[in-house]
Amino acid sequence: EIQTLDYFNTKIESNLLQIHSIVENVILQSELGFDELDLSIFDVPNIE
């Protein structure tokens, strides 16, 4: 007797998207030639 499975799903909680945004802002500051890092980019509401 043959039965079939063909779909599986999993989920983890993560702030990776927001962390990625922070890193992009660091790069942007570098490309704009800022002499100092603006630490306010780390102050993102509701992010751990």
ModelCIF file with pLDDT and N, C-alpha, C, O atoms, coordinates in Angstrom:
data_MODEL
#
_entry.id   MODEL 
#
_entity.id                         1 
_entity.type                       polymer 
_entity.pdbx_number_of_molecules   1 
#
_entity_poly.entity_id                      1 
_entity_poly.type                           'polypeptide(L)' 
_entity_poly.nstd_linkage                   no 
_entity_poly.nstd_monomer                   no 
_entity_poly.pdbx_seq_one_letter_code       EIQTLDYFNTKIESNLLQIHSIVENVILQSELGFDELDLSIFDVPNIE 
_entity_poly.pdbx_seq_one_letter_code_can   EIQTLDYFNTKIESNLLQIHSIVENVILQSELGFDELDLSIFDVPNIE 
_entity_poly.pdbx_strand_id                 A 
#
loop_
_entity_poly_seq.entity_id 
_entity_poly_seq.num 
_entity_poly_seq.mon_id 
_entity_poly_seq.hetero 
1 1  GLU n 
1 2  ILE n 
1 3  GLN n 
1 4  THR n 
1 5  LEU n 
1 6  ASP n 
1 7  TYR n 
1 8  PHE n 
1 9  ASN n 
1 10 THR n 
1 11 LYS n 
1 12 ILE n 
1 13 GLU n 
1 14 SER n 
1 15 ASN n 
1 16 LEU n 
1 17 LEU n 
1 18 GLN n 
1 19 ILE n 
1 20 HIS n 
1 21 SER n 
1 22 ILE n 
1 23 VAL n 
1 24 GLU n 
1 25 ASN n 
1 26 VAL n 
1 27 ILE n 
1 28 LEU n 
1 29 GLN n 
1 30 SER n 
1 31 GLU n 
1 32 LEU n 
1 33 GLY n 
1 34 PHE n 
1 35 ASP n 
1 36 GLU n 
1 37 LEU n 
1 38 ASP n 
1 39 LEU n 
1 40 SER n 
1 41 ILE n 
1 42 PHE n 
1 43 ASP n 
1 44 VAL n 
1 45 PRO n 
1 46 ASN n 
1 47 ILE n 
1 48 GLU n 
#
_struct_asym.id          A 
_struct_asym.entity_id   1 
#
loop_
_ma_qa_metric.id 
_ma_qa_metric.mode 
_ma_qa_metric.name 
_ma_qa_metric.software_group_id 
_ma_qa_metric.type 
1 global pLDDT . pLDDT 
2 local  pLDDT . pLDDT 
#
_ma_qa_metric_global.metric_id      1 
_ma_qa_metric_global.metric_value   71.60 
_ma_qa_metric_global.model_id       1 
_ma_qa_metric_global.ordinal_id     1 
#
loop_
_ma_qa_metric_local.label_asym_id 
_ma_qa_metric_local.label_comp_id 
_ma_qa_metric_local.label_seq_id 
_ma_qa_metric_local.metric_id 
_ma_qa_metric_local.metric_value 
_ma_qa_metric_local.model_id 
_ma_qa_metric_local.ordinal_id 
A GLU 1  2 93.00 1 1  
A ILE 2  2 94.00 1 2  
A GLN 3  2 94.00 1 3  
A THR 4  2 96.00 1 4  
A LEU 5  2 96.00 1 5  
A ASP 6  2 96.00 1 6  
A TYR 7  2 97.00 1 7  
A PHE 8  2 98.00 1 8  
A ASN 9  2 97.00 1 9  
A THR 10 2 97.00 1 10 
A LYS 11 2 96.00 1 11 
A ILE 12 2 94.00 1 12 
A GLU 13 2 91.00 1 13 
A SER 14 2 87.00 1 14 
A ASN 15 2 85.00 1 15 
A LEU 16 2 86.00 1 16 
A LEU 17 2 88.00 1 17 
A GLN 18 2 84.00 1 18 
A ILE 19 2 84.00 1 19 
A HIS 20 2 85.00 1 20 
A SER 21 2 84.00 1 21 
A ILE 22 2 82.00 1 22 
A VAL 23 2 80.00 1 23 
A GLU 24 2 80.00 1 24 
A ASN 25 2 79.00 1 25 
A VAL 26 2 76.00 1 26 
A ILE 27 2 75.00 1 27 
A LEU 28 2 75.00 1 28 
A GLN 29 2 70.00 1 29 
A SER 30 2 66.00 1 30 
A GLU 31 2 64.00 1 31 
A LEU 32 2 62.00 1 32 
A GLY 33 2 60.00 1 33 
A PHE 34 2 49.00 1 34 
A ASP 35 2 49.00 1 35 
A GLU 36 2 46.00 1 36 
A LEU 37 2 43.00 1 37 
A ASP 38 2 44.00 1 38 
A LEU 39 2 41.00 1 39 
A SER 40 2 42.00 1 40 
A ILE 41 2 38.00 1 41 
A PHE 42 2 39.00 1 42 
A ASP 43 2 46.00 1 43 
A VAL 44 2 42.00 1 44 
A PRO 45 2 42.00 1 45 
A ASN 46 2 42.00 1 46 
A ILE 47 2 40.00 1 47 
A GLU 48 2 43.00 1 48 
#
loop_
_atom_site.group_PDB 
_atom_site.id 
_atom_site.type_symbol 
_atom_site.label_atom_id 
_atom_site.label_alt_id 
_atom_site.label_comp_id 
_atom_site.label_asym_id 
_atom_site.label_entity_id 
_atom_site.label_seq_id 
_atom_site.pdbx_PDB_ins_code 
_atom_site.Cartn_x 
_atom_site.Cartn_y 
_atom_site.Cartn_z 
_atom_site.occupancy 
_atom_site.B_iso_or_equiv 
_atom_site.pdbx_formal_charge 
_atom_site.auth_seq_id 
_atom_site.auth_comp_id 
_atom_site.auth_asym_id 
_atom_site.auth_atom_id 
_atom_site.pdbx_PDB_model_num 
ATOM 1   N N  . GLU A 1 1  ? 0.853  -1.190 0.000  1.00 93.00 ? 1  GLU A N  1 
ATOM 2   C CA . GLU A 1 1  ? 0.000  0.000  0.000  1.00 93.00 ? 1  GLU A CA 1 
ATOM 3   C C  . GLU A 1 1  ? 0.889  1.240  0.000  1.00 93.00 ? 1  GLU A C  1 
ATOM 4   O O  . GLU A 1 1  ? 1.698  1.431  0.908  1.00 93.00 ? 1  GLU A O  1 
ATOM 5   N N  . ILE A 1 2  ? 0.736  2.076  -1.015 1.00 94.00 ? 2  ILE A N  1 
ATOM 6   C CA . ILE A 1 2  ? 1.606  3.238  -1.187 1.00 94.00 ? 2  ILE A CA 1 
ATOM 7   C C  . ILE A 1 2  ? 0.874  4.523  -0.810 1.00 94.00 ? 2  ILE A C  1 
ATOM 8   O O  . ILE A 1 2  ? -0.224 4.799  -1.293 1.00 94.00 ? 2  ILE A O  1 
ATOM 9   N N  . GLN A 1 3  ? 1.499  5.288  0.051  1.00 94.00 ? 3  GLN A N  1 
ATOM 10  C CA . GLN A 1 3  ? 1.014  6.613  0.406  1.00 94.00 ? 3  GLN A CA 1 
ATOM 11  C C  . GLN A 1 3  ? 2.080  7.646  0.035  1.00 94.00 ? 3  GLN A C  1 
ATOM 12  O O  . GLN A 1 3  ? 3.266  7.321  -0.035 1.00 94.00 ? 3  GLN A O  1 
ATOM 13  N N  . THR A 1 4  ? 1.659  8.882  -0.201 1.00 96.00 ? 4  THR A N  1 
ATOM 14  C CA . THR A 1 4  ? 2.564  9.906  -0.704 1.00 96.00 ? 4  THR A CA 1 
ATOM 15  C C  . THR A 1 4  ? 2.615  11.115 0.222  1.00 96.00 ? 4  THR A C  1 
ATOM 16  O O  . THR A 1 4  ? 1.590  11.581 0.719  1.00 96.00 ? 4  THR A O  1 
ATOM 17  N N  . LEU A 1 5  ? 3.820  11.608 0.441  1.00 96.00 ? 5  LEU A N  1 
ATOM 18  C CA . LEU A 1 5  ? 4.050  12.902 1.074  1.00 96.00 ? 5  LEU A CA 1 
ATOM 19  C C  . LEU A 1 5  ? 4.811  13.766 0.077  1.00 96.00 ? 5  LEU A C  1 
ATOM 20  O O  . LEU A 1 5  ? 5.732  13.284 -0.583 1.00 96.00 ? 5  LEU A O  1 
ATOM 21  N N  . ASP A 1 6  ? 4.437  15.032 -0.039 1.00 96.00 ? 6  ASP A N  1 
ATOM 22  C CA . ASP A 1 6  ? 5.147  15.864 -1.018 1.00 96.00 ? 6  ASP A CA 1 
ATOM 23  C C  . ASP A 1 6  ? 5.319  17.315 -0.589 1.00 96.00 ? 6  ASP A C  1 
ATOM 24  O O  . ASP A 1 6  ? 5.827  18.126 -1.363 1.00 96.00 ? 6  ASP A O  1 
ATOM 25  N N  . TYR A 1 7  ? 4.903  17.660 0.637  1.00 97.00 ? 7  TYR A N  1 
ATOM 26  C CA . TYR A 1 7  ? 5.044  19.050 1.072  1.00 97.00 ? 7  TYR A CA 1 
ATOM 27  C C  . TYR A 1 7  ? 5.407  19.102 2.551  1.00 97.00 ? 7  TYR A C  1 
ATOM 28  O O  . TYR A 1 7  ? 4.783  18.458 3.393  1.00 97.00 ? 7  TYR A O  1 
ATOM 29  N N  . PHE A 1 8  ? 6.450  19.901 2.838  1.00 98.00 ? 8  PHE A N  1 
ATOM 30  C CA . PHE A 1 8  ? 6.917  20.044 4.219  1.00 98.00 ? 8  PHE A CA 1 
ATOM 31  C C  . PHE A 1 8  ? 7.183  21.525 4.492  1.00 98.00 ? 8  PHE A C  1 
ATOM 32  O O  . PHE A 1 8  ? 7.504  22.292 3.585  1.00 98.00 ? 8  PHE A O  1 
ATOM 33  N N  . ASN A 1 9  ? 7.043  21.904 5.755  1.00 97.00 ? 9  ASN A N  1 
ATOM 34  C CA . ASN A 1 9  ? 7.140  23.319 6.091  1.00 97.00 ? 9  ASN A CA 1 
ATOM 35  C C  . ASN A 1 9  ? 7.754  23.485 7.480  1.00 97.00 ? 9  ASN A C  1 
ATOM 36  O O  . ASN A 1 9  ? 7.499  22.689 8.383  1.00 97.00 ? 9  ASN A O  1 
ATOM 37  N N  . THR A 1 10 ? 8.571  24.539 7.636  1.00 97.00 ? 10 THR A N  1 
ATOM 38  C CA . THR A 1 10 ? 9.109  24.848 8.953  1.00 97.00 ? 10 THR A CA 1 
ATOM 39  C C  . THR A 1 10 ? 9.290  26.347 9.089  1.00 97.00 ? 10 THR A C  1 
ATOM 40  O O  . THR A 1 10 ? 9.361  27.072 8.096  1.00 97.00 ? 10 THR A O  1 
ATOM 41  N N  . LYS A 1 11 ? 9.364  26.807 10.342 1.00 96.00 ? 11 LYS A N  1 
ATOM 42  C CA . LYS A 1 11 ? 9.445  28.248 10.616 1.00 96.00 ? 11 LYS A CA 1 
ATOM 43  C C  . LYS A 1 11 ? 10.282 28.491 11.862 1.00 96.00 ? 11 LYS A C  1 
ATOM 44  O O  . LYS A 1 11 ? 10.157 27.768 12.850 1.00 96.00 ? 11 LYS A O  1 
ATOM 45  N N  . ILE A 1 12 ? 11.130 29.502 11.816 1.00 94.00 ? 12 ILE A N  1 
ATOM 46  C CA . ILE A 1 12 ? 11.851 29.939 13.009 1.00 94.00 ? 12 ILE A CA 1 
ATOM 47  C C  . ILE A 1 12 ? 11.637 31.438 13.177 1.00 94.00 ? 12 ILE A C  1 
ATOM 48  O O  . ILE A 1 12 ? 11.500 32.166 12.194 1.00 94.00 ? 12 ILE A O  1 
ATOM 49  N N  . GLU A 1 13 ? 11.607 31.894 14.423 1.00 91.00 ? 13 GLU A N  1 
ATOM 50  C CA . GLU A 1 13 ? 11.521 33.328 14.683 1.00 91.00 ? 13 GLU A CA 1 
ATOM 51  C C  . GLU A 1 13 ? 12.896 33.947 14.493 1.00 91.00 ? 13 GLU A C  1 
ATOM 52  O O  . GLU A 1 13 ? 13.900 33.398 14.948 1.00 91.00 ? 13 GLU A O  1 
ATOM 53  N N  . SER A 1 14 ? 12.942 35.103 13.814 1.00 87.00 ? 14 SER A N  1 
ATOM 54  C CA . SER A 1 14 ? 14.229 35.707 13.497 1.00 87.00 ? 14 SER A CA 1 
ATOM 55  C C  . SER A 1 14 ? 14.075 37.180 13.154 1.00 87.00 ? 14 SER A C  1 
ATOM 56  O O  . SER A 1 14 ? 13.089 37.586 12.540 1.00 87.00 ? 14 SER A O  1 
ATOM 57  N N  . ASN A 1 15 ? 15.061 37.978 13.558 1.00 85.00 ? 15 ASN A N  1 
ATOM 58  C CA . ASN A 1 15 ? 15.134 39.387 13.188 1.00 85.00 ? 15 ASN A CA 1 
ATOM 59  C C  . ASN A 1 15 ? 16.154 39.613 12.073 1.00 85.00 ? 15 ASN A C  1 
ATOM 60  O O  . ASN A 1 15 ? 16.678 40.718 11.932 1.00 85.00 ? 15 ASN A O  1 
ATOM 61  N N  . LEU A 1 16 ? 16.434 38.599 11.296 1.00 86.00 ? 16 LEU A N  1 
ATOM 62  C CA . LEU A 1 16 ? 17.454 38.698 10.260 1.00 86.00 ? 16 LEU A CA 1 
ATOM 63  C C  . LEU A 1 16 ? 17.164 39.831 9.281  1.00 86.00 ? 16 LEU A C  1 
ATOM 64  O O  . LEU A 1 16 ? 18.088 40.518 8.846  1.00 86.00 ? 16 LEU A O  1 
ATOM 65  N N  . LEU A 1 17 ? 15.906 40.035 8.932  1.00 88.00 ? 17 LEU A N  1 
ATOM 66  C CA . LEU A 1 17 ? 15.552 41.092 7.977  1.00 88.00 ? 17 LEU A CA 1 
ATOM 67  C C  . LEU A 1 17 ? 15.952 42.460 8.512  1.00 88.00 ? 17 LEU A C  1 
ATOM 68  O O  . LEU A 1 17 ? 16.490 43.280 7.767  1.00 88.00 ? 17 LEU A O  1 
ATOM 69  N N  . GLN A 1 18 ? 15.697 42.718 9.793  1.00 84.00 ? 18 GLN A N  1 
ATOM 70  C CA . GLN A 1 18 ? 16.034 44.009 10.383 1.00 84.00 ? 18 GLN A CA 1 
ATOM 71  C C  . GLN A 1 18 ? 17.541 44.163 10.564 1.00 84.00 ? 18 GLN A C  1 
ATOM 72  O O  . GLN A 1 18 ? 18.082 45.254 10.382 1.00 84.00 ? 18 GLN A O  1 
ATOM 73  N N  . ILE A 1 19 ? 18.216 43.076 10.920 1.00 84.00 ? 19 ILE A N  1 
ATOM 74  C CA . ILE A 1 19 ? 19.676 43.119 11.030 1.00 84.00 ? 19 ILE A CA 1 
ATOM 75  C C  . ILE A 1 19 ? 20.293 43.431 9.674  1.00 84.00 ? 19 ILE A C  1 
ATOM 76  O O  . ILE A 1 19 ? 21.245 44.206 9.580  1.00 84.00 ? 19 ILE A O  1 
ATOM 77  N N  . HIS A 1 20 ? 19.747 42.826 8.626  1.00 85.00 ? 20 HIS A N  1 
ATOM 78  C CA . HIS A 1 20 ? 20.223 43.093 7.268  1.00 85.00 ? 20 HIS A CA 1 
ATOM 79  C C  . HIS A 1 20 ? 20.073 44.573 6.930  1.00 85.00 ? 20 HIS A C  1 
ATOM 80  O O  . HIS A 1 20 ? 20.952 45.153 6.292  1.00 85.00 ? 20 HIS A O  1 
ATOM 81  N N  . SER A 1 21 ? 18.982 45.183 7.347  1.00 84.00 ? 21 SER A N  1 
ATOM 82  C CA . SER A 1 21 ? 18.754 46.605 7.097  1.00 84.00 ? 21 SER A CA 1 
ATOM 83  C C  . SER A 1 21 ? 19.800 47.467 7.792  1.00 84.00 ? 21 SER A C  1 
ATOM 84  O O  . SER A 1 21 ? 20.266 48.458 7.230  1.00 84.00 ? 21 SER A O  1 
ATOM 85  N N  . ILE A 1 22 ? 20.167 47.090 9.016  1.00 82.00 ? 22 ILE A N  1 
ATOM 86  C CA . ILE A 1 22 ? 21.200 47.822 9.752  1.00 82.00 ? 22 ILE A CA 1 
ATOM 87  C C  . ILE A 1 22 ? 22.525 47.770 9.004  1.00 82.00 ? 22 ILE A C  1 
ATOM 88  O O  . ILE A 1 22 ? 23.198 48.788 8.846  1.00 82.00 ? 22 ILE A O  1 
ATOM 89  N N  . VAL A 1 23 ? 22.895 46.577 8.544  1.00 80.00 ? 23 VAL A N  1 
ATOM 90  C CA . VAL A 1 23 ? 24.165 46.417 7.836  1.00 80.00 ? 23 VAL A CA 1 
ATOM 91  C C  . VAL A 1 23 ? 24.167 47.232 6.541  1.00 80.00 ? 23 VAL A C  1 
ATOM 92  O O  . VAL A 1 23 ? 25.176 47.844 6.193  1.00 80.00 ? 23 VAL A O  1 
ATOM 93  N N  . GLU A 1 24 ? 23.037 47.240 5.830  1.00 80.00 ? 24 GLU A N  1 
ATOM 94  C CA . GLU A 1 24 ? 22.950 48.049 4.613  1.00 80.00 ? 24 GLU A CA 1 
ATOM 95  C C  . GLU A 1 24 ? 23.167 49.527 4.922  1.00 80.00 ? 24 GLU A C  1 
ATOM 96  O O  . GLU A 1 24 ? 23.791 50.240 4.135  1.00 80.00 ? 24 GLU A O  1 
ATOM 97  N N  . ASN A 1 25 ? 22.656 49.992 6.062  1.00 79.00 ? 25 ASN A N  1 
ATOM 98  C CA . ASN A 1 25 ? 22.853 51.388 6.442  1.00 79.00 ? 25 ASN A CA 1 
ATOM 99  C C  . ASN A 1 25 ? 24.316 51.696 6.749  1.00 79.00 ? 25 ASN A C  1 
ATOM 100 O O  . ASN A 1 25 ? 24.803 52.785 6.445  1.00 79.00 ? 25 ASN A O  1 
ATOM 101 N N  . VAL A 1 26 ? 25.018 50.728 7.356  1.00 76.00 ? 26 VAL A N  1 
ATOM 102 C CA . VAL A 1 26 ? 26.448 50.902 7.609  1.00 76.00 ? 26 VAL A CA 1 
ATOM 103 C C  . VAL A 1 26 ? 27.202 51.065 6.292  1.00 76.00 ? 26 VAL A C  1 
ATOM 104 O O  . VAL A 1 26 ? 28.054 51.944 6.158  1.00 76.00 ? 26 VAL A O  1 
ATOM 105 N N  . ILE A 1 27 ? 26.883 50.221 5.336  1.00 75.00 ? 27 ILE A N  1 
ATOM 106 C CA . ILE A 1 27 ? 27.528 50.291 4.025  1.00 75.00 ? 27 ILE A CA 1 
ATOM 107 C C  . ILE A 1 27 ? 27.219 51.620 3.356  1.00 75.00 ? 27 ILE A C  1 
ATOM 108 O O  . ILE A 1 27 ? 28.105 52.242 2.771  1.00 75.00 ? 27 ILE A O  1 
ATOM 109 N N  . LEU A 1 28 ? 25.969 52.060 3.437  1.00 75.00 ? 28 LEU A N  1 
ATOM 110 C CA . LEU A 1 28 ? 25.566 53.324 2.813  1.00 75.00 ? 28 LEU A CA 1 
ATOM 111 C C  . LEU A 1 28 ? 26.368 54.485 3.386  1.00 75.00 ? 28 LEU A C  1 
ATOM 112 O O  . LEU A 1 28 ? 26.813 55.362 2.646  1.00 75.00 ? 28 LEU A O  1 
ATOM 113 N N  . GLN A 1 29 ? 26.553 54.489 4.705  1.00 70.00 ? 29 GLN A N  1 
ATOM 114 C CA . GLN A 1 29 ? 27.345 55.562 5.319  1.00 70.00 ? 29 GLN A CA 1 
ATOM 115 C C  . GLN A 1 29 ? 28.771 55.543 4.805  1.00 70.00 ? 29 GLN A C  1 
ATOM 116 O O  . GLN A 1 29 ? 29.372 56.592 4.577  1.00 70.00 ? 29 GLN A O  1 
ATOM 117 N N  . SER A 1 30 ? 29.311 54.341 4.622  1.00 66.00 ? 30 SER A N  1 
ATOM 118 C CA . SER A 1 30 ? 30.667 54.229 4.099  1.00 66.00 ? 30 SER A CA 1 
ATOM 119 C C  . SER A 1 30 ? 30.757 54.766 2.676  1.00 66.00 ? 30 SER A C  1 
ATOM 120 O O  . SER A 1 30 ? 31.692 55.492 2.339  1.00 66.00 ? 30 SER A O  1 
ATOM 121 N N  . GLU A 1 31 ? 29.786 54.410 1.847  1.00 64.00 ? 31 GLU A N  1 
ATOM 122 C CA . GLU A 1 31 ? 29.802 54.842 0.449  1.00 64.00 ? 31 GLU A CA 1 
ATOM 123 C C  . GLU A 1 31 ? 29.613 56.348 0.319  1.00 64.00 ? 31 GLU A C  1 
ATOM 124 O O  . GLU A 1 31 ? 30.098 56.959 -0.633 1.00 64.00 ? 31 GLU A O  1 
ATOM 125 N N  . LEU A 1 32 ? 28.897 56.951 1.291  1.00 62.00 ? 32 LEU A N  1 
ATOM 126 C CA . LEU A 1 32 ? 28.693 58.395 1.266  1.00 62.00 ? 32 LEU A CA 1 
ATOM 127 C C  . LEU A 1 32 ? 29.882 59.157 1.831  1.00 62.00 ? 32 LEU A C  1 
ATOM 128 O O  . LEU A 1 32 ? 29.919 60.387 1.809  1.00 62.00 ? 32 LEU A O  1 
ATOM 129 N N  . GLY A 1 33 ? 30.857 58.400 2.340  1.00 60.00 ? 33 GLY A N  1 
ATOM 130 C CA . GLY A 1 33 ? 32.094 59.033 2.794  1.00 60.00 ? 33 GLY A CA 1 
ATOM 131 C C  . GLY A 1 33 ? 32.033 59.626 4.181  1.00 60.00 ? 33 GLY A C  1 
ATOM 132 O O  . GLY A 1 33 ? 32.800 60.535 4.498  1.00 60.00 ? 33 GLY A O  1 
ATOM 133 N N  . PHE A 1 34 ? 31.109 59.116 5.040  1.00 49.00 ? 34 PHE A N  1 
ATOM 134 C CA . PHE A 1 34 ? 31.031 59.647 6.392  1.00 49.00 ? 34 PHE A CA 1 
ATOM 135 C C  . PHE A 1 34 ? 32.299 59.265 7.161  1.00 49.00 ? 34 PHE A C  1 
ATOM 136 O O  . PHE A 1 34 ? 32.761 58.127 7.078  1.00 49.00 ? 34 PHE A O  1 
ATOM 137 N N  . ASP A 1 35 ? 32.854 60.214 7.901  1.00 49.00 ? 35 ASP A N  1 
ATOM 138 C CA . ASP A 1 35 ? 34.072 59.958 8.659  1.00 49.00 ? 35 ASP A CA 1 
ATOM 139 C C  . ASP A 1 35 ? 33.808 59.162 9.937  1.00 49.00 ? 35 ASP A C  1 
ATOM 140 O O  . ASP A 1 35 ? 34.694 58.464 10.431 1.00 49.00 ? 35 ASP A O  1 
ATOM 141 N N  . GLU A 1 36 ? 32.593 59.268 10.470 1.00 46.00 ? 36 GLU A N  1 
ATOM 142 C CA . GLU A 1 36 ? 32.252 58.565 11.692 1.00 46.00 ? 36 GLU A CA 1 
ATOM 143 C C  . GLU A 1 36 ? 30.963 57.780 11.482 1.00 46.00 ? 36 GLU A C  1 
ATOM 144 O O  . GLU A 1 36 ? 30.106 58.164 10.685 1.00 46.00 ? 36 GLU A O  1 
ATOM 145 N N  . LEU A 1 37 ? 30.845 56.700 12.194 1.00 43.00 ? 37 LEU A N  1 
ATOM 146 C CA . LEU A 1 37 ? 29.653 55.869 12.107 1.00 43.00 ? 37 LEU A CA 1 
ATOM 147 C C  . LEU A 1 37 ? 28.530 56.464 12.930 1.00 43.00 ? 37 LEU A C  1 
ATOM 148 O O  . LEU A 1 37 ? 28.710 56.708 14.123 1.00 43.00 ? 37 LEU A O  1 
ATOM 149 N N  . ASP A 1 38 ? 27.380 56.705 12.329 1.00 44.00 ? 38 ASP A N  1 
ATOM 150 C CA . ASP A 1 38 ? 26.212 57.222 13.025 1.00 44.00 ? 38 ASP A CA 1 
ATOM 151 C C  . ASP A 1 38 ? 25.551 56.079 13.789 1.00 44.00 ? 38 ASP A C  1 
ATOM 152 O O  . ASP A 1 38 ? 24.893 55.228 13.191 1.00 44.00 ? 38 ASP A O  1 
ATOM 153 N N  . LEU A 1 39 ? 25.726 56.059 15.104 1.00 41.00 ? 39 LEU A N  1 
ATOM 154 C CA . LEU A 1 39 ? 25.232 54.950 15.916 1.00 41.00 ? 39 LEU A CA 1 
ATOM 155 C C  . LEU A 1 39 ? 23.711 54.919 16.005 1.00 41.00 ? 39 LEU A C  1 
ATOM 156 O O  . LEU A 1 39 ? 23.152 53.939 16.498 1.00 41.00 ? 39 LEU A O  1 
ATOM 157 N N  . SER A 1 40 ? 23.026 55.960 15.545 1.00 42.00 ? 40 SER A N  1 
ATOM 158 C CA . SER A 1 40 ? 21.567 55.965 15.591 1.00 42.00 ? 40 SER A CA 1 
ATOM 159 C C  . SER A 1 40 ? 20.967 54.892 14.699 1.00 42.00 ? 40 SER A C  1 
ATOM 160 O O  . SER A 1 40 ? 19.802 54.533 14.874 1.00 42.00 ? 40 SER A O  1 
ATOM 161 N N  . ILE A 1 41 ? 21.744 54.362 13.733 1.00 38.00 ? 41 ILE A N  1 
ATOM 162 C CA . ILE A 1 41 ? 21.209 53.318 12.864 1.00 38.00 ? 41 ILE A CA 1 
ATOM 163 C C  . ILE A 1 41 ? 20.930 52.042 13.643 1.00 38.00 ? 41 ILE A C  1 
ATOM 164 O O  . ILE A 1 41 ? 20.173 51.188 13.182 1.00 38.00 ? 41 ILE A O  1 
ATOM 165 N N  . PHE A 1 42 ? 21.539 51.902 14.829 1.00 39.00 ? 42 PHE A N  1 
ATOM 166 C CA . PHE A 1 42 ? 21.295 50.709 15.640 1.00 39.00 ? 42 PHE A CA 1 
ATOM 167 C C  . PHE A 1 42 ? 20.043 50.860 16.502 1.00 39.00 ? 42 PHE A C  1 
ATOM 168 O O  . PHE A 1 42 ? 19.586 49.893 17.111 1.00 39.00 ? 42 PHE A O  1 
ATOM 169 N N  . ASP A 1 43 ? 19.495 52.059 16.552 1.00 46.00 ? 43 ASP A N  1 
ATOM 170 C CA . ASP A 1 43 ? 18.323 52.325 17.387 1.00 46.00 ? 43 ASP A CA 1 
ATOM 171 C C  . ASP A 1 43 ? 17.058 52.128 16.568 1.00 46.00 ? 43 ASP A C  1 
ATOM 172 O O  . ASP A 1 43 ? 16.401 53.091 16.172 1.00 46.00 ? 43 ASP A O  1 
ATOM 173 N N  . VAL A 1 44 ? 16.724 50.859 16.321 1.00 42.00 ? 44 VAL A N  1 
ATOM 174 C CA . VAL A 1 44 ? 15.543 50.512 15.541 1.00 42.00 ? 44 VAL A CA 1 
ATOM 175 C C  . VAL A 1 44 ? 14.440 50.078 16.496 1.00 42.00 ? 44 VAL A C  1 
ATOM 176 O O  . VAL A 1 44 ? 14.644 49.144 17.271 1.00 42.00 ? 44 VAL A O  1 
ATOM 177 N N  . PRO A 1 45 ? 13.273 50.728 16.465 1.00 42.00 ? 45 PRO A N  1 
ATOM 178 C CA . PRO A 1 45 ? 12.198 50.371 17.393 1.00 42.00 ? 45 PRO A CA 1 
ATOM 179 C C  . PRO A 1 45 ? 11.822 48.895 17.304 1.00 42.00 ? 45 PRO A C  1 
ATOM 180 O O  . PRO A 1 45 ? 11.728 48.324 16.218 1.00 42.00 ? 45 PRO A O  1 
ATOM 181 N N  . ASN A 1 46 ? 11.608 48.291 18.477 1.00 42.00 ? 46 ASN A N  1 
ATOM 182 C CA . ASN A 1 46 ? 11.089 46.917 18.566 1.00 42.00 ? 46 ASN A CA 1 
ATOM 183 C C  . ASN A 1 46 ? 12.014 45.872 17.967 1.00 42.00 ? 46 ASN A C  1 
ATOM 184 O O  . ASN A 1 46 ? 11.555 44.810 17.547 1.00 42.00 ? 46 ASN A O  1 
ATOM 185 N N  . ILE A 1 47 ? 13.327 46.159 17.921 1.00 40.00 ? 47 ILE A N  1 
ATOM 186 C CA . ILE A 1 47 ? 14.251 45.145 17.404 1.00 40.00 ? 47 ILE A CA 1 
ATOM 187 C C  . ILE A 1 47 ? 15.174 44.674 18.507 1.00 40.00 ? 47 ILE A C  1 
ATOM 188 O O  . ILE A 1 47 ? 15.758 45.485 19.225 1.00 40.00 ? 47 ILE A O  1 
ATOM 189 N N  . GLU A 1 48 ? 15.307 43.368 18.643 1.00 43.00 ? 48 GLU A N  1 
ATOM 190 C CA . GLU A 1 48 ? 16.348 42.780 19.453 1.00 43.00 ? 48 GLU A CA 1 
ATOM 191 C C  . GLU A 1 48 ? 17.461 42.414 18.494 1.00 43.00 ? 48 GLU A C  1 
ATOM 192 O O  . GLU A 1 48 ? 18.490 41.887 18.915 1.00 43.00 ? 48 GLU A O  1 
#
